[in-house]
Amino acid sequence: MEEKMTFKITNEEGKEIEYEVLFTFDSEETKKSYMVYTDNSKDENGNIKVYASAYTPGKETTELAPIETEKEWKIIETILNELQEQSKGDNNE
């Protein structure tokens, strides 16, 4: 069984929230590394909320940085859509 990677962040109210890392990837286009993660909560439509941040791999402590450009969001959305389509295909087999 695959072990889940998780991390915790303390929010503005001082509440500690655990997040599960869904995947990480490096972009040749932006020369940055990205992490896509979730707290497994759902939005008003019942979809699991997913977040993304830039980060620097290999550091002792991981610091998440905000996604700064529309171009970065497009890259992340494209990968998420590809994975979602791949997942649908896997479920139909």
PDB file of N, CA and C in Angstrom:
ATOM      1  N   MET A   1       0.846  -1.183   0.000  1.00  0.00           N
ATOM      2  CA  MET A   1       0.000   0.000   0.000  1.00  0.00           C
ATOM      3  C   MET A   1       0.894   1.251   0.000  1.00  0.00           C
ATOM      4  N   GLU A   2       0.510   2.218  -0.768  1.00  0.00           N
ATOM      5  CA  GLU A   2       1.289   3.449  -0.892  1.00  0.00           C
ATOM      6  C   GLU A   2       1.058   4.359   0.319  1.00  0.00           C
ATOM      7  N   GLU A   3       2.160   4.829   0.901  1.00  0.00           N
ATOM      8  CA  GLU A   3       2.052   5.721   2.059  1.00  0.00           C
ATOM      9  C   GLU A   3       1.742   7.138   1.592  1.00  0.00           C
ATOM     10  N   LYS A   4       0.798   7.780   2.274  1.00  0.00           N
ATOM     11  CA  LYS A   4       0.417   9.144   1.909  1.00  0.00           C
ATOM     12  C   LYS A   4       1.398  10.141   2.515  1.00  0.00           C
ATOM     13  N   MET A   5       1.770  11.142   1.718  1.00  0.00           N
ATOM     14  CA  MET A   5       2.592  12.230   2.240  1.00  0.00           C
ATOM     15  C   MET A   5       1.653  13.298   2.772  1.00  0.00           C
ATOM     16  N   THR A   6       1.857  13.710   4.006  1.00  0.00           N
ATOM     17  CA  THR A   6       1.007  14.739   4.593  1.00  0.00           C
ATOM     18  C   THR A   6       1.873  15.805   5.254  1.00  0.00           C
ATOM     19  N   PHE A   7       1.262  16.957   5.469  1.00  0.00           N
ATOM     20  CA  PHE A   7       1.910  18.030   6.219  1.00  0.00           C
ATOM     21  C   PHE A   7       0.827  18.840   6.908  1.00  0.00           C
ATOM     22  N   LYS A   8       1.224  19.628   7.890  1.00  0.00           N
ATOM     23  CA  LYS A   8       0.257  20.422   8.649  1.00  0.00           C
ATOM     24  C   LYS A   8       0.595  21.894   8.541  1.00  0.00           C
ATOM     25  N   ILE A   9      -0.459  22.697   8.470  1.00  0.00           N
ATOM     26  CA  ILE A   9      -0.328  24.153   8.433  1.00  0.00           C
ATOM     27  C   ILE A   9      -1.274  24.717   9.482  1.00  0.00           C
ATOM     28  N   THR A  10      -0.807  25.720  10.206  1.00  0.00           N
ATOM     29  CA  THR A  10      -1.663  26.402  11.167  1.00  0.00           C
ATOM     30  C   THR A  10      -2.279  27.616  10.467  1.00  0.00           C
ATOM     31  N   ASN A  11      -3.609  27.677  10.461  1.00  0.00           N
ATOM     32  CA  ASN A  11      -4.296  28.769   9.771  1.00  0.00           C
ATOM     33  C   ASN A  11      -4.352  30.037  10.625  1.00  0.00           C
ATOM     34  N   GLU A  12      -5.020  31.059  10.100  1.00  0.00           N
ATOM     35  CA  GLU A  12      -5.086  32.363  10.762  1.00  0.00           C
ATOM     36  C   GLU A  12      -5.732  32.291  12.143  1.00  0.00           C
ATOM     37  N   GLU A  13      -6.647  31.331  12.339  1.00  0.00           N
ATOM     38  CA  GLU A  13      -7.329  31.193  13.624  1.00  0.00           C
ATOM     39  C   GLU A  13      -6.538  30.338  14.608  1.00  0.00           C
ATOM     40  N   GLY A  14      -5.350  29.870  14.212  1.00  0.00           N
ATOM     41  CA  GLY A  14      -4.534  29.044  15.083  1.00  0.00           C
ATOM     42  C   GLY A  14      -4.888  27.567  15.037  1.00  0.00           C
ATOM     43  N   LYS A  15      -5.778  27.183  14.115  1.00  0.00           N
ATOM     44  CA  LYS A  15      -6.178  25.790  13.978  1.00  0.00           C
ATOM     45  C   LYS A  15      -5.199  25.070  13.048  1.00  0.00           C
ATOM     46  N   GLU A  16      -4.744  23.893  13.486  1.00  0.00           N
ATOM     47  CA  GLU A  16      -3.816  23.101  12.678  1.00  0.00           C
ATOM     48  C   GLU A  16      -4.619  22.241  11.700  1.00  0.00           C
ATOM     49  N   ILE A  17      -4.274  22.328  10.417  1.00  0.00           N
ATOM     50  CA  ILE A  17      -4.972  21.582   9.378  1.00  0.00           C
ATOM     51  C   ILE A  17      -3.982  20.652   8.692  1.00  0.00           C
ATOM     52  N   GLU A  18      -4.388  19.392   8.539  1.00  0.00           N
ATOM     53  CA  GLU A  18      -3.524  18.426   7.857  1.00  0.00           C
ATOM     54  C   GLU A  18      -3.889  18.366   6.376  1.00  0.00           C
ATOM     55  N   TYR A  19      -2.876  18.412   5.535  1.00  0.00           N
ATOM     56  CA  TYR A  19      -3.046  18.333   4.095  1.00  0.00           C
ATOM     57  C   TYR A  19      -2.375  17.088   3.563  1.00  0.00           C
ATOM     58  N   GLU A  20      -2.944  16.524   2.520  1.00  0.00           N
ATOM     59  CA  GLU A  20      -2.373  15.371   1.842  1.00  0.00           C
ATOM     60  C   GLU A  20      -1.795  15.826   0.502  1.00  0.00           C
ATOM     61  N   VAL A  21      -0.546  15.469   0.252  1.00  0.00           N
ATOM     62  CA  VAL A  21       0.091  15.817  -1.019  1.00  0.00           C
ATOM     63  C   VAL A  21      -0.441  14.860  -2.082  1.00  0.00           C
ATOM     64  N   LEU A  22      -1.049  15.425  -3.123  1.00  0.00           N
ATOM     65  CA  LEU A  22      -1.565  14.604  -4.213  1.00  0.00           C
ATOM     66  C   LEU A  22      -0.454  14.271  -5.199  1.00  0.00           C
ATOM     67  N   PHE A  23       0.315  15.287  -5.571  1.00  0.00           N
ATOM     68  CA  PHE A  23       1.477  15.074  -6.435  1.00  0.00           C
ATOM     69  C   PHE A  23       2.323  16.333  -6.475  1.00  0.00           C
ATOM     70  N   THR A  24       3.557  16.161  -6.931  1.00  0.00           N
ATOM     71  CA  THR A  24       4.461  17.283  -7.156  1.00  0.00           C
ATOM     72  C   THR A  24       4.971  17.160  -8.586  1.00  0.00           C
ATOM     73  N   PHE A  25       5.383  18.282  -9.154  1.00  0.00           N
ATOM     74  CA  PHE A  25       5.953  18.247 -10.498  1.00  0.00           C
ATOM     75  C   PHE A  25       6.833  19.464 -10.713  1.00  0.00           C
ATOM     76  N   ASP A  26       7.727  19.327 -11.680  1.00  0.00           N
ATOM     77  CA  ASP A  26       8.610  20.424 -12.082  1.00  0.00           C
ATOM     78  C   ASP A  26       8.161  20.912 -13.446  1.00  0.00           C
ATOM     79  N   SER A  27       8.167  22.213 -13.637  1.00  0.00           N
ATOM     80  CA  SER A  27       7.794  22.797 -14.919  1.00  0.00           C
ATOM     81  C   SER A  27       9.041  23.303 -15.636  1.00  0.00           C
ATOM     82  N   GLU A  28       9.266  22.775 -16.822  1.00  0.00           N
ATOM     83  CA  GLU A  28      10.372  23.260 -17.660  1.00  0.00           C
ATOM     84  C   GLU A  28      10.108  24.708 -18.070  1.00  0.00           C
ATOM     85  N   GLU A  29       8.821  25.001 -18.268  1.00  0.00           N
ATOM     86  CA  GLU A  29       8.425  26.325 -18.762  1.00  0.00           C
ATOM     87  C   GLU A  29       8.732  27.442 -17.760  1.00  0.00           C
ATOM     88  N   THR A  30       8.414  27.190 -16.481  1.00  0.00           N
ATOM     89  CA  THR A  30       8.608  28.230 -15.464  1.00  0.00           C
ATOM     90  C   THR A  30       9.880  28.018 -14.639  1.00  0.00           C
ATOM     91  N   LYS A  31      10.486  26.827 -14.777  1.00  0.00           N
ATOM     92  CA  LYS A  31      11.690  26.469 -14.006  1.00  0.00           C
ATOM     93  C   LYS A  31      11.399  26.436 -12.502  1.00  0.00           C
ATOM     94  N   LYS A  32      10.164  26.073 -12.145  1.00  0.00           N
ATOM     95  CA  LYS A  32       9.761  25.976 -10.740  1.00  0.00           C
ATOM     96  C   LYS A  32       9.218  24.584 -10.447  1.00  0.00           C
ATOM     97  N   SER A  33       9.167  24.252  -9.162  1.00  0.00           N
ATOM     98  CA  SER A  33       8.551  23.012  -8.693  1.00  0.00           C
ATOM     99  C   SER A  33       7.221  23.376  -8.033  1.00  0.00           C
ATOM    100  N   TYR A  34       6.244  22.501  -8.202  1.00  0.00           N
ATOM    101  CA  TYR A  34       4.909  22.749  -7.672  1.00  0.00           C
ATOM    102  C   TYR A  34       4.419  21.556  -6.870  1.00  0.00           C
ATOM    103  N   MET A  35       3.583  21.846  -5.884  1.00  0.00           N
ATOM    104  CA  MET A  35       2.952  20.821  -5.069  1.00  0.00           C
ATOM    105  C   MET A  35       1.441  21.038  -5.156  1.00  0.00           C
ATOM    106  N   VAL A  36       0.708  19.961  -5.404  1.00  0.00           N
ATOM    107  CA  VAL A  36      -0.752  20.009  -5.426  1.00  0.00           C
ATOM    108  C   VAL A  36      -1.220  19.162  -4.246  1.00  0.00           C
ATOM    109  N   TYR A  37      -2.106  19.730  -3.423  1.00  0.00           N
ATOM    110  CA  TYR A  37      -2.477  19.082  -2.171  1.00  0.00           C
ATOM    111  C   TYR A  37      -3.928  19.373  -1.816  1.00  0.00           C
ATOM    112  N   THR A  38      -4.440  18.635  -0.833  1.00  0.00           N
ATOM    113  CA  THR A  38      -5.830  18.784  -0.413  1.00  0.00           C
ATOM    114  C   THR A  38      -5.950  18.565   1.089  1.00  0.00           C
ATOM    115  N   ASP A  39      -6.989  19.159   1.667  1.00  0.00           N
ATOM    116  CA  ASP A  39      -7.329  18.858   3.066  1.00  0.00           C
ATOM    117  C   ASP A  39      -8.535  17.913   3.095  1.00  0.00           C
ATOM    118  N   ASN A  40      -8.930  17.435   1.920  1.00  0.00           N
ATOM    119  CA  ASN A  40     -10.050  16.501   1.730  1.00  0.00           C
ATOM    120  C   ASN A  40     -11.400  17.084   2.129  1.00  0.00           C
ATOM    121  N   SER A  41     -11.478  18.423   2.252  1.00  0.00           N
ATOM    122  CA  SER A  41     -12.777  19.051   2.479  1.00  0.00           C
ATOM    123  C   SER A  41     -13.455  19.230   1.118  1.00  0.00           C
ATOM    124  N   LYS A  42     -14.748  19.482   1.153  1.00  0.00           N
ATOM    125  CA  LYS A  42     -15.498  19.610  -0.100  1.00  0.00           C
ATOM    126  C   LYS A  42     -16.076  21.009  -0.244  1.00  0.00           C
ATOM    127  N   ASP A  43     -16.213  21.431  -1.507  1.00  0.00           N
ATOM    128  CA  ASP A  43     -16.822  22.730  -1.791  1.00  0.00           C
ATOM    129  C   ASP A  43     -18.338  22.580  -1.825  1.00  0.00           C
ATOM    130  N   GLU A  44     -19.029  23.668  -2.152  1.00  0.00           N
ATOM    131  CA  GLU A  44     -20.499  23.646  -2.141  1.00  0.00           C
ATOM    132  C   GLU A  44     -21.096  22.705  -3.178  1.00  0.00           C
ATOM    133  N   ASN A  45     -20.283  22.275  -4.180  1.00  0.00           N
ATOM    134  CA  ASN A  45     -20.765  21.347  -5.206  1.00  0.00           C
ATOM    135  C   ASN A  45     -20.391  19.901  -4.906  1.00  0.00           C
ATOM    136  N   GLY A  46     -19.753  19.675  -3.752  1.00  0.00           N
ATOM    137  CA  GLY A  46     -19.369  18.323  -3.379  1.00  0.00           C
ATOM    138  C   GLY A  46     -18.032  17.873  -3.946  1.00  0.00           C
ATOM    139  N   ASN A  47     -17.293  18.787  -4.578  1.00  0.00           N
ATOM    140  CA  ASN A  47     -15.976  18.458  -5.115  1.00  0.00           C
ATOM    141  C   ASN A  47     -14.917  18.639  -4.041  1.00  0.00           C
ATOM    142  N   ILE A  48     -13.922  17.765  -4.029  1.00  0.00           N
ATOM    143  CA  ILE A  48     -12.832  17.883  -3.064  1.00  0.00           C
ATOM    144  C   ILE A  48     -11.996  19.107  -3.424  1.00  0.00           C
ATOM    145  N   LYS A  49     -11.720  19.931  -2.414  1.00  0.00           N
ATOM    146  CA  LYS A  49     -10.919  21.137  -2.624  1.00  0.00           C
ATOM    147  C   LYS A  49      -9.459  20.756  -2.832  1.00  0.00           C
ATOM    148  N   VAL A  50      -8.853  21.357  -3.858  1.00  0.00           N
ATOM    149  CA  VAL A  50      -7.457  21.098  -4.199  1.00  0.00           C
ATOM    150  C   VAL A  50      -6.730  22.434  -4.228  1.00  0.00           C
ATOM    151  N   TYR A  51      -5.514  22.446  -3.684  1.00  0.00           N
ATOM    152  CA  TYR A  51      -4.700  23.657  -3.627  1.00  0.00           C
ATOM    153  C   TYR A  51      -3.375  23.397  -4.327  1.00  0.00           C
ATOM    154  N   ALA A  52      -2.711  24.463  -4.726  1.00  0.00           N
ATOM    155  CA  ALA A  52      -1.398  24.331  -5.359  1.00  0.00           C
ATOM    156  C   ALA A  52      -0.496  25.460  -4.887  1.00  0.00           C
ATOM    157  N   SER A  53       0.780  25.138  -4.764  1.00  0.00           N
ATOM    158  CA  SER A  53       1.787  26.124  -4.372  1.00  0.00           C
ATOM    159  C   SER A  53       3.096  25.786  -5.060  1.00  0.00           C
ATOM    160  N   ALA A  54       3.922  26.795  -5.208  1.00  0.00           N
ATOM    161  CA  ALA A  54       5.287  26.574  -5.659  1.00  0.00           C
ATOM    162  C   ALA A  54       6.107  26.225  -4.423  1.00  0.00           C
ATOM    163  N   TYR A  55       7.179  25.461  -4.611  1.00  0.00           N
ATOM    164  CA  TYR A  55       8.062  25.140  -3.486  1.00  0.00           C
ATOM    165  C   TYR A  55       9.448  24.821  -4.012  1.00  0.00           C
ATOM    166  N   THR A  56      10.407  24.787  -3.112  1.00  0.00           N
ATOM    167  CA  THR A  56      11.782  24.442  -3.474  1.00  0.00           C
ATOM    168  C   THR A  56      12.090  23.073  -2.885  1.00  0.00           C
ATOM    169  N   PRO A  57      12.220  22.042  -3.735  1.00  0.00           N
ATOM    170  CA  PRO A  57      12.487  20.697  -3.207  1.00  0.00           C
ATOM    171  C   PRO A  57      13.893  20.596  -2.626  1.00  0.00           C
ATOM    172  N   GLY A  58      14.059  19.634  -1.712  1.00  0.00           N
ATOM    173  CA  GLY A  58      15.372  19.369  -1.159  1.00  0.00           C
ATOM    174  C   GLY A  58      15.729  20.173   0.073  1.00  0.00           C
ATOM    175  N   LYS A  59      14.889  21.107   0.455  1.00  0.00           N
ATOM    176  CA  LYS A  59      15.157  21.878   1.673  1.00  0.00           C
ATOM    177  C   LYS A  59      14.693  21.067   2.879  1.00  0.00           C
ATOM    178  N   GLU A  60      15.321  21.345   4.019  1.00  0.00           N
ATOM    179  CA  GLU A  60      14.958  20.637   5.241  1.00  0.00           C
ATOM    180  C   GLU A  60      13.503  20.912   5.631  1.00  0.00           C
ATOM    181  N   THR A  61      13.095  22.171   5.535  1.00  0.00           N
ATOM    182  CA  THR A  61      11.691  22.521   5.762  1.00  0.00           C
ATOM    183  C   THR A  61      11.133  23.084   4.457  1.00  0.00           C
ATOM    184  N   THR A  62       9.960  22.623   4.105  1.00  0.00           N
ATOM    185  CA  THR A  62       9.347  23.046   2.853  1.00  0.00           C
ATOM    186  C   THR A  62       8.571  24.330   3.062  1.00  0.00           C
ATOM    187  N   GLU A  63       8.889  25.328   2.280  1.00  0.00           N
ATOM    188  CA  GLU A  63       8.147  26.586   2.313  1.00  0.00           C
ATOM    189  C   GLU A  63       7.304  26.672   1.053  1.00  0.00           C
ATOM    190  N   LEU A  64       6.000  26.849   1.258  1.00  0.00           N
ATOM    191  CA  LEU A  64       5.085  26.961   0.124  1.00  0.00           C
ATOM    192  C   LEU A  64       4.987  28.422  -0.293  1.00  0.00           C
ATOM    193  N   ALA A  65       5.019  28.650  -1.595  1.00  0.00           N
ATOM    194  CA  ALA A  65       4.909  30.007  -2.132  1.00  0.00           C
ATOM    195  C   ALA A  65       3.666  30.084  -3.007  1.00  0.00           C
ATOM    196  N   PRO A  66       3.031  31.238  -3.046  1.00  0.00           N
ATOM    197  CA  PRO A  66       1.817  31.364  -3.855  1.00  0.00           C
ATOM    198  C   PRO A  66       2.114  31.246  -5.350  1.00  0.00           C
ATOM    199  N   ILE A  67       1.108  30.801  -6.081  1.00  0.00           N
ATOM    200  CA  ILE A  67       1.184  30.773  -7.541  1.00  0.00           C
ATOM    201  C   ILE A  67       1.002  32.225  -7.975  1.00  0.00           C
ATOM    202  N   GLU A  68       1.940  32.733  -8.759  1.00  0.00           N
ATOM    203  CA  GLU A  68       1.970  34.172  -9.027  1.00  0.00           C
ATOM    204  C   GLU A  68       1.386  34.609 -10.358  1.00  0.00           C
ATOM    205  N   THR A  69       1.339  33.711 -11.325  1.00  0.00           N
ATOM    206  CA  THR A  69       0.896  34.153 -12.651  1.00  0.00           C
ATOM    207  C   THR A  69      -0.220  33.276 -13.201  1.00  0.00           C
ATOM    208  N   GLU A  70      -0.939  33.833 -14.144  1.00  0.00           N
ATOM    209  CA  GLU A  70      -1.992  33.093 -14.847  1.00  0.00           C
ATOM    210  C   GLU A  70      -1.385  31.912 -15.602  1.00  0.00           C
ATOM    211  N   LYS A  71      -0.182  32.112 -16.127  1.00  0.00           N
ATOM    212  CA  LYS A  71       0.529  31.057 -16.867  1.00  0.00           C
ATOM    213  C   LYS A  71       0.762  29.844 -15.955  1.00  0.00           C
ATOM    214  N   GLU A  72       1.183  30.093 -14.710  1.00  0.00           N
ATOM    215  CA  GLU A  72       1.408  29.002 -13.769  1.00  0.00           C
ATOM    216  C   GLU A  72       0.107  28.250 -13.480  1.00  0.00           C
ATOM    217  N   TRP A  73      -0.983  28.992 -13.286  1.00  0.00           N
ATOM    218  CA  TRP A  73      -2.279  28.348 -13.026  1.00  0.00           C
ATOM    219  C   TRP A  73      -2.705  27.493 -14.210  1.00  0.00           C
ATOM    220  N   LYS A  74      -2.459  27.977 -15.427  1.00  0.00           N
ATOM    221  CA  LYS A  74      -2.836  27.220 -16.629  1.00  0.00           C
ATOM    222  C   LYS A  74      -2.069  25.897 -16.681  1.00  0.00           C
ATOM    223  N   ILE A  75      -0.771  25.923 -16.347  1.00  0.00           N
ATOM    224  CA  ILE A  75       0.048  24.707 -16.344  1.00  0.00           C
ATOM    225  C   ILE A  75      -0.517  23.710 -15.329  1.00  0.00           C
ATOM    226  N   ILE A  76      -0.827  24.190 -14.133  1.00  0.00           N
ATOM    227  CA  ILE A  76      -1.365  23.324 -13.078  1.00  0.00           C
ATOM    228  C   ILE A  76      -2.726  22.767 -13.482  1.00  0.00           C
ATOM    229  N   GLU A  77      -3.596  23.618 -14.017  1.00  0.00           N
ATOM    230  CA  GLU A  77      -4.929  23.168 -14.450  1.00  0.00           C
ATOM    231  C   GLU A  77      -4.825  22.111 -15.537  1.00  0.00           C
ATOM    232  N   THR A  78      -3.895  22.286 -16.462  1.00  0.00           N
ATOM    233  CA  THR A  78      -3.712  21.322 -17.546  1.00  0.00           C
ATOM    234  C   THR A  78      -3.323  19.956 -16.981  1.00  0.00           C
ATOM    235  N   ILE A  79      -2.388  19.946 -16.049  1.00  0.00           N
ATOM    236  CA  ILE A  79      -1.953  18.679 -15.445  1.00  0.00           C
ATOM    237  C   ILE A  79      -3.094  18.044 -14.654  1.00  0.00           C
ATOM    238  N   LEU A  80      -3.833  18.843 -13.892  1.00  0.00           N
ATOM    239  CA  LEU A  80      -4.975  18.313 -13.135  1.00  0.00           C
ATOM    240  C   LEU A  80      -6.012  17.697 -14.077  1.00  0.00           C
ATOM    241  N   ASN A  81      -6.308  18.387 -15.166  1.00  0.00           N
ATOM    242  CA  ASN A  81      -7.278  17.873 -16.135  1.00  0.00           C
ATOM    243  C   ASN A  81      -6.800  16.567 -16.770  1.00  0.00           C
ATOM    244  N   GLU A  82      -5.504  16.504 -17.100  1.00  0.00           N
ATOM    245  CA  GLU A  82      -4.950  15.275 -17.680  1.00  0.00           C
ATOM    246  C   GLU A  82      -5.060  14.114 -16.696  1.00  0.00           C
ATOM    247  N   LEU A  83      -4.734  14.368 -15.434  1.00  0.00           N
ATOM    248  CA  LEU A  83      -4.823  13.321 -14.422  1.00  0.00           C
ATOM    249  C   LEU A  83      -6.262  12.881 -14.195  1.00  0.00           C
ATOM    250  N   GLN A  84      -7.186  13.831 -14.237  1.00  0.00           N
ATOM    251  CA  GLN A  84      -8.598  13.508 -14.048  1.00  0.00           C
ATOM    252  C   GLN A  84      -9.101  12.629 -15.200  1.00  0.00           C
ATOM    253  N   GLU A  85      -8.708  12.961 -16.422  1.00  0.00           N
ATOM    254  CA  GLU A  85      -9.102  12.163 -17.581  1.00  0.00           C
ATOM    255  C   GLU A  85      -8.492  10.766 -17.501  1.00  0.00           C
ATOM    256  N   GLN A  86      -7.233  10.701 -17.092  1.00  0.00           N
ATOM    257  CA  GLN A  86      -6.543   9.424 -16.947  1.00  0.00           C
ATOM    258  C   GLN A  86      -7.234   8.569 -15.893  1.00  0.00           C
ATOM    259  N   SER A  87      -7.638   9.202 -14.790  1.00  0.00           N
ATOM    260  CA  SER A  87      -8.324   8.507 -13.718  1.00  0.00           C
ATOM    261  C   SER A  87      -9.668   7.960 -14.187  1.00  0.00           C
ATOM    262  N   LYS A  88     -10.393   8.742 -14.969  1.00  0.00           N
ATOM    263  CA  LYS A  88     -11.672   8.283 -15.518  1.00  0.00           C
ATOM    264  C   LYS A  88     -11.472   7.065 -16.404  1.00  0.00           C
ATOM    265  N   GLY A  89     -10.424   7.110 -17.208  1.00  0.00           N
ATOM    266  CA  GLY A  89     -10.109   5.985 -18.090  1.00  0.00           C
ATOM    267  C   GLY A  89      -9.761   4.739 -17.301  1.00  0.00           C
ATOM    268  N   ASP A  90      -9.014   4.895 -16.208  1.00  0.00           N
ATOM    269  CA  ASP A  90      -8.636   3.775 -15.373  1.00  0.00           C
ATOM    270  C   ASP A  90      -9.868   3.153 -14.713  1.00  0.00           C
ATOM    271  N   ASN A  91     -10.831   3.981 -14.328  1.00  0.00           N
ATOM    272  CA  ASN A  91     -12.043   3.486 -13.671  1.00  0.00           C
ATOM    273  C   ASN A  91     -12.973   2.755 -14.631  1.00  0.00           C
ATOM    274  N   ASN A  92     -12.878   3.050 -15.913  1.00  0.00           N
ATOM    275  CA  ASN A  92     -13.753   2.426 -16.905  1.00  0.00           C
ATOM    276  C   ASN A  92     -13.224   1.086 -17.373  1.00  0.00           C
ATOM    277  N   GLU A  93     -12.006   0.755 -17.024  1.00  0.00           N
ATOM    278  CA  GLU A  93     -11.416  -0.508 -17.496  1.00  0.00           C
ATOM    279  C   GLU A  93     -11.763  -1.661 -16.591  1.00  0.00           C
TER     280      GLU A  93
END
